[in-house]
C-alpha atoms as a PDB file:
ATOM      1  CA  MET A   1      22.950  -4.848 -39.281  1.00  0.00           C
ATOM      2  CA  GLY A   2      21.476  -5.264 -35.968  1.00  0.00           C
ATOM      3  CA  LEU A   3      17.661  -5.191 -36.269  1.00  0.00           C
ATOM      4  CA  LEU A   4      14.913  -4.420 -33.953  1.00  0.00           C
ATOM      5  CA  GLY A   5      12.617  -6.948 -32.248  1.00  0.00           C
ATOM      6  CA  ASP A   6       9.543  -6.660 -30.120  1.00  0.00           C
ATOM      7  CA  TRP A   7       9.047  -3.461 -27.761  1.00  0.00           C
ATOM      8  CA  GLY A   8      12.249  -1.934 -29.976  1.00  0.00           C
ATOM      9  CA  LYS A   9      15.086  -3.937 -28.512  1.00  0.00           C
ATOM     10  CA  PRO A  10      17.827  -4.616 -30.421  1.00  0.00           C
ATOM     11  CA  MET A  11      18.103  -7.772 -31.537  1.00  0.00           C
ATOM     12  CA  PHE A  12      21.522  -9.281 -32.849  1.00  0.00           C
ATOM     13  CA  ARG A  13      20.000 -11.516 -36.046  1.00  0.00           C
ATOM     14  CA  LEU A  14      22.772 -13.447 -38.516  1.00  0.00           C
ATOM     15  CA  ASP A  15      20.832 -14.282 -41.645  1.00  0.00           C
ATOM     16  CA  LEU A  16      21.458 -17.904 -42.668  1.00  0.00           C
ATOM     17  CA  ASN A  17      20.847 -17.061 -46.353  1.00  0.00           C
ATOM     18  CA  ALA A  18      23.943 -14.902 -46.762  1.00  0.00           C
ATOM     19  CA  VAL A  19      25.874 -18.129 -44.978  1.00  0.00           C
ATOM     20  CA  ARG A  20      24.344 -20.800 -46.754  1.00  0.00           C
ATOM     21  CA  ASP A  21      25.306 -19.459 -50.472  1.00  0.00           C
ATOM     22  CA  ARG A  22      28.868 -19.495 -49.551  1.00  0.00           C
ATOM     23  CA  GLN A  23      29.582 -22.865 -48.693  1.00  0.00           C
ATOM     24  CA  GLY A  24      33.161 -23.540 -46.503  1.00  0.00           C
ATOM     25  CA  GLN A  25      33.892 -19.569 -47.096  1.00  0.00           C
ATOM     26  CA  PRO A  26      33.708 -17.414 -43.709  1.00  0.00           C
ATOM     27  CA  VAL A  27      31.411 -14.769 -43.961  1.00  0.00           C
ATOM     28  CA  THR A  28      31.437 -11.915 -41.271  1.00  0.00           C
ATOM     29  CA  PHE A  29      28.849 -10.102 -39.473  1.00  0.00           C
ATOM     30  CA  GLY A  30      29.384  -6.924 -37.275  1.00  0.00           C
ATOM     31  CA  PHE A  31      26.947  -5.254 -35.093  1.00  0.00           C
ATOM     32  CA  ARG A  32      26.735  -2.414 -32.604  1.00  0.00           C
ATOM     33  CA  GLY A  33      23.956  -2.221 -30.052  1.00  0.00           C
ATOM     34  CA  GLU A  34      22.721  -1.939 -26.584  1.00  0.00           C
ATOM     35  CA  LEU A  35      21.639  -5.084 -24.354  1.00  0.00           C
ATOM     36  CA  PRO A  36      18.128  -3.571 -22.398  1.00  0.00           C
ATOM     37  CA  GLU A  37      17.994  -7.128 -21.258  1.00  0.00           C
ATOM     38  CA  LEU A  38      20.559  -6.066 -18.622  1.00  0.00           C
ATOM     39  CA  ASP A  39      18.364  -3.848 -16.585  1.00  0.00           C
ATOM     40  CA  ARG A  40      16.133  -6.818 -15.955  1.00  0.00           C
ATOM     41  CA  PHE A  41      19.149  -8.531 -13.702  1.00  0.00           C
ATOM     42  CA  GLU A  42      19.700  -6.685  -9.916  1.00  0.00           C
ATOM     43  CA  GLY A  43      23.469  -6.288  -9.606  1.00  0.00           C
ATOM     44  CA  ALA A  44      24.357  -6.566 -13.252  1.00  0.00           C
ATOM     45  CA  GLY A  45      25.773  -2.797 -12.517  1.00  0.00           C
ATOM     46  CA  PRO A  46      24.056   0.540 -14.106  1.00  0.00           C
ATOM     47  CA  GLY A  47      26.016   0.485 -17.149  1.00  0.00           C
ATOM     48  CA  VAL A  48      26.933  -2.085 -19.897  1.00  0.00           C
ATOM     49  CA  GLY A  49      26.947  -0.735 -23.711  1.00  0.00           C
ATOM     50  CA  PRO A  50      26.588  -0.500 -26.311  1.00  0.00           C
ATOM     51  CA  VAL A  51      28.427  -3.412 -27.230  1.00  0.00           C
ATOM     52  CA  ASP A  52      30.491  -4.130 -30.896  1.00  0.00           C
ATOM     53  CA  VAL A  53      29.826  -7.585 -31.923  1.00  0.00           C
ATOM     54  CA  THR A  54      32.092  -9.269 -34.617  1.00  0.00           C
ATOM     55  CA  VAL A  55      30.685 -12.538 -35.754  1.00  0.00           C
ATOM     56  CA  THR A  56      32.694 -15.054 -38.566  1.00  0.00           C
ATOM     57  CA  VAL A  57      30.291 -17.734 -39.816  1.00  0.00           C
ATOM     58  CA  THR A  58      30.929 -21.225 -41.567  1.00  0.00           C
ATOM     59  CA  TYR A  59      28.501 -23.164 -43.474  1.00  0.00           C
ATOM     60  CA  LEU A  60      29.818 -26.684 -43.695  1.00  0.00           C
ATOM     61  CA  GLU A  61      27.657 -29.644 -44.339  1.00  0.00           C
ATOM     62  CA  GLY A  62      25.025 -28.671 -42.345  1.00  0.00           C
ATOM     63  CA  LEU A  63      26.804 -26.827 -39.674  1.00  0.00           C
ATOM     64  CA  PHE A  64      26.719 -23.116 -38.938  1.00  0.00           C
ATOM     65  CA  TRP A  65      30.385 -22.691 -37.052  1.00  0.00           C
ATOM     66  CA  LEU A  66      30.506 -19.430 -35.053  1.00  0.00           C
ATOM     67  CA  GLU A  67      33.621 -17.861 -33.707  1.00  0.00           C
ATOM     68  CA  GLY A  68      33.245 -13.982 -32.598  1.00  0.00           C
ATOM     69  CA  THR A  69      34.053 -11.566 -30.064  1.00  0.00           C
ATOM     70  CA  VAL A  70      31.957  -8.978 -28.020  1.00  0.00           C
ATOM     71  CA  GLU A  71      33.324  -5.844 -26.332  1.00  0.00           C
ATOM     72  CA  GLY A  72      32.082  -3.277 -24.952  1.00  0.00           C
ATOM     73  CA  ARG A  73      32.313  -1.259 -21.336  1.00  0.00           C
ATOM     74  CA  PHE A  74      30.763  -1.822 -18.082  1.00  0.00           C
ATOM     75  CA  GLU A  75      30.215   1.282 -15.155  1.00  0.00           C
ATOM     76  CA  THR A  76      29.634   0.243 -11.786  1.00  0.00           C
ATOM     77  CA  GLU A  77      30.634   1.100  -8.224  1.00  0.00           C
ATOM     78  CA  CYS A  78      33.435  -0.082  -6.493  1.00  0.00           C
ATOM     79  CA  ALA A  79      32.524  -3.086  -3.988  1.00  0.00           C
ATOM     80  CA  ARG A  80      35.134  -1.682  -1.417  1.00  0.00           C
ATOM     81  CA  CYS A  81      35.121   2.169  -2.142  1.00  0.00           C
ATOM     82  CA  LEU A  82      31.836   2.710  -3.794  1.00  0.00           C
ATOM     83  CA  GLU A  83      33.675   4.925  -6.396  1.00  0.00           C
ATOM     84  CA  PRO A  84      32.734   4.618  -9.796  1.00  0.00           C
ATOM     85  CA  VAL A  85      34.751   1.905 -11.943  1.00  0.00           C
ATOM     86  CA  ARG A  86      34.726   1.823 -15.528  1.00  0.00           C
ATOM     87  CA  SER A  87      36.177  -0.795 -17.598  1.00  0.00           C
ATOM     88  CA  PRO A  88      36.372  -2.553 -20.964  1.00  0.00           C
ATOM     89  CA  PHE A  89      35.503  -6.220 -21.820  1.00  0.00           C
ATOM     90  CA  SER A  90      36.222  -8.453 -24.600  1.00  0.00           C
ATOM     91  CA  ILE A  91      34.514 -11.863 -24.726  1.00  0.00           C
ATOM     92  CA  MET A  92      35.060 -14.799 -27.163  1.00  0.00           C
ATOM     93  CA  LEU A  93      32.073 -16.535 -28.591  1.00  0.00           C
ATOM     94  CA  VAL A  94      32.335 -19.876 -30.056  1.00  0.00           C
ATOM     95  CA  GLU A  95      29.020 -21.680 -31.259  1.00  0.00           C
ATOM     96  CA  LYS A  96      27.915 -24.235 -33.438  1.00  0.00           C
ATOM     97  CA  TYR A  97      24.269 -24.741 -34.786  1.00  0.00           C
ATOM     98  CA  THR A  98      22.335 -27.076 -37.256  1.00  0.00           C
ATOM     99  CA  LEU A  99      19.927 -26.893 -39.384  1.00  0.00           C
ATOM    100  CA  GLY A 100      16.506 -28.268 -38.296  1.00  0.00           C
ATOM    101  CA  PRO A 101      15.871 -30.555 -35.044  1.00  0.00           C
ATOM    102  CA  GLN A 102      18.853 -32.349 -34.569  1.00  0.00           C
ATOM    103  CA  ASP A 103      20.901 -34.030 -31.780  1.00  0.00           C
ATOM    104  CA  ASP A 104      21.702 -31.379 -29.672  1.00  0.00           C
ATOM    105  CA  ALA A 105      24.962 -32.679 -28.928  1.00  0.00           C
ATOM    106  CA  VAL A 106      26.165 -31.984 -32.465  1.00  0.00           C
ATOM    107  CA  GLY A 107      25.267 -28.111 -32.027  1.00  0.00           C
ATOM    108  CA  THR A 108      22.158 -25.973 -31.453  1.00  0.00           C
ATOM    109  CA  PRO A 109      19.296 -26.491 -33.409  1.00  0.00           C
ATOM    110  CA  VAL A 110      18.242 -23.987 -36.105  1.00  0.00           C
ATOM    111  CA  ASP A 111      14.714 -23.439 -37.068  1.00  0.00           C
ATOM    112  CA  GLY A 112      14.155 -20.598 -40.064  1.00  0.00           C
ATOM    113  CA  ASP A 113      16.771 -18.235 -41.888  1.00  0.00           C
ATOM    114  CA  PHE A 114      18.014 -16.130 -39.045  1.00  0.00           C
ATOM    115  CA  ILE A 115      19.832 -16.768 -35.613  1.00  0.00           C
ATOM    116  CA  ASP A 116      19.379 -14.619 -32.932  1.00  0.00           C
ATOM    117  CA  LEU A 117      22.444 -14.092 -30.499  1.00  0.00           C
ATOM    118  CA  THR A 118      21.250 -11.548 -28.103  1.00  0.00           C
ATOM    119  CA  GLN A 119      20.319 -14.155 -25.651  1.00  0.00           C
ATOM    120  CA  ARG A 120      23.569 -15.816 -26.146  1.00  0.00           C
ATOM    121  CA  ILE A 121      25.674 -12.235 -26.032  1.00  0.00           C
ATOM    122  CA  VAL A 122      23.548 -10.791 -22.619  1.00  0.00           C
ATOM    123  CA  GLU A 123      24.869 -14.556 -21.164  1.00  0.00           C
ATOM    124  CA  SER A 124      28.220 -14.091 -21.925  1.00  0.00           C
ATOM    125  CA  VAL A 125      28.147 -10.573 -21.004  1.00  0.00           C
ATOM    126  CA  LEU A 126      26.647 -11.359 -17.709  1.00  0.00           C
ATOM    127  CA  LEU A 127      29.175 -14.415 -17.019  1.00  0.00           C
ATOM    128  CA  ALA A 128      32.352 -12.103 -17.855  1.00  0.00           C
ATOM    129  CA  LEU A 129      31.283  -8.764 -15.598  1.00  0.00           C
ATOM    130  CA  PRO A 130      32.900  -9.074 -12.191  1.00  0.00           C
ATOM    131  CA  MET A 131      31.437 -10.330  -8.902  1.00  0.00           C
ATOM    132  CA  LYS A 132      32.784  -7.748  -7.064  1.00  0.00           C
ATOM    133  CA  PRO A 133      34.176  -5.383  -9.290  1.00  0.00           C
ATOM    134  CA  LEU A 134      37.301  -2.529  -7.618  1.00  0.00           C
ATOM    135  CA  CYS A 135      38.502   0.587  -8.683  1.00  0.00           C
ATOM    136  CA  ASN A 136      42.136  -0.692  -8.126  1.00  0.00           C
ATOM    137  CA  PRO A 137      43.000  -4.398  -6.533  1.00  0.00           C
ATOM    138  CA  ASP A 138      44.604  -2.829  -3.647  1.00  0.00           C
ATOM    139  CA  CYS A 139      41.623  -0.364  -2.586  1.00  0.00           C
ATOM    140  CA  LEU A 140      41.748   0.383   1.245  1.00  0.00           C
ATOM    141  CA  GLY A 141      37.558   0.510   0.982  1.00  0.00           C
ATOM    142  CA  LEU A 142      35.718   2.624   3.546  1.00  0.00           C
ATOM    143  CA  CYS A 143      36.270   3.392   7.469  1.00  0.00           C
ATOM    144  CA  ALA A 144      33.634   1.266   9.021  1.00  0.00           C
ATOM    145  CA  GLY A 145      33.839   4.161  11.530  1.00  0.00           C
ATOM    146  CA  CYS A 146      32.953   7.273   9.457  1.00  0.00           C
ATOM    147  CA  GLY A 147      32.550   6.117   5.988  1.00  0.00           C
ATOM    148  CA  GLN A 148      35.573   7.983   5.074  1.00  0.00           C
ATOM    149  CA  VAL A 149      37.285   6.641   1.467  1.00  0.00           C
ATOM    150  CA  LEU A 150      40.549   5.321   2.455  1.00  0.00           C
ATOM    151  CA  ASN A 151      42.061   5.761  -0.610  1.00  0.00           C
ATOM    152  CA  LYS A 152      41.739   9.426  -0.534  1.00  0.00           C
ATOM    153  CA  ALA A 153      42.634   9.981   3.117  1.00  0.00           C
ATOM    154  CA  ALA A 154      42.999   8.371   6.285  1.00  0.00           C
ATOM    155  CA  CYS A 155      40.447   9.244   8.578  1.00  0.00           C
ATOM    156  CA  ASP A 156      40.447   9.831  12.618  1.00  0.00           C
ATOM    157  CA  CYS A 157      38.931   6.857  13.923  1.00  0.00           C
ATOM    158  CA  ARG A 158      40.898   5.225  16.196  1.00  0.00           C
ATOM    159  CA  PRO A 159      40.659   1.037  16.001  1.00  0.00           C
ATOM    160  CA  ASP A 160      40.618   0.723  19.909  1.00  0.00           C
ATOM    161  CA  GLY A 161      37.473  -1.168  19.972  1.00  0.00           C
ATOM    162  CA  VAL A 162      38.242  -4.457  20.133  1.00  0.00           C
ATOM    163  CA  ASP A 163      35.398  -7.189  20.053  1.00  0.00           C
ATOM    164  CA  PRO A 164      35.199  -8.456  24.055  1.00  0.00           C
ATOM    165  CA  ARG A 165      35.135 -11.948  22.462  1.00  0.00           C
ATOM    166  CA  LEU A 166      38.159 -12.075  20.400  1.00  0.00           C
ATOM    167  CA  ALA A 167      40.032 -10.487  23.580  1.00  0.00           C
ATOM    168  CA  GLU A 168      41.917 -13.492  24.569  1.00  0.00           C
ATOM    169  CA  LEU A 169      42.894 -13.830  20.764  1.00  0.00           C
ATOM    170  CA  GLY A 170      44.887 -10.524  21.301  1.00  0.00           C
ATOM    171  CA  LYS A 171      47.089 -12.061  23.910  1.00  0.00           C
ATOM    172  CA  LEU A 172      48.409 -14.466  21.528  1.00  0.00           C
ATOM    173  CA  LEU A 173      49.597 -12.015  19.345  1.00  0.00           C
ATOM    174  CA  LYS A 174      51.919 -10.085  22.146  1.00  0.00           C
ATOM    175  CA  PRO A 175      55.129 -12.061  23.015  1.00  0.00           C
ATOM    176  CA  GLU A 176      55.683 -12.668  26.072  1.00  0.00           C
END
């Protein structure tokens, strides 16, 4: 049920008419689509998507109560060893919308017959992505000397180069 918006980008839009007619009864919407807006953010990773969105909306006394999930996979590089990382994510959406201009403390105001969830989904996905994705929590990274991926093999570099400014600290670690 995702509709195409400007420039052919998918929009995740909810038709409020289908919900208004069923006051107090939950109505479920399902979407599957790409999030092309993510390519505007550097560091968001080379690939997120497609995402599956399931949203249940209940209309009650002028309020639209929205609960749902956004599920998908992201692909990027490990922050330590630069190997590919592929990982699923699942995000909860909980929102409240009001008809017409009202107090924002009650809910997000809605004008018209549609709620476009695209921006909210993009924000939620960006916030759910790890800042420093790792291939595994014990990743050893790369050798600073030769660039060898230390998860795959040890390198022949010797860690004999001690910064002369820190050499005195090394004496503290040696028992007398």
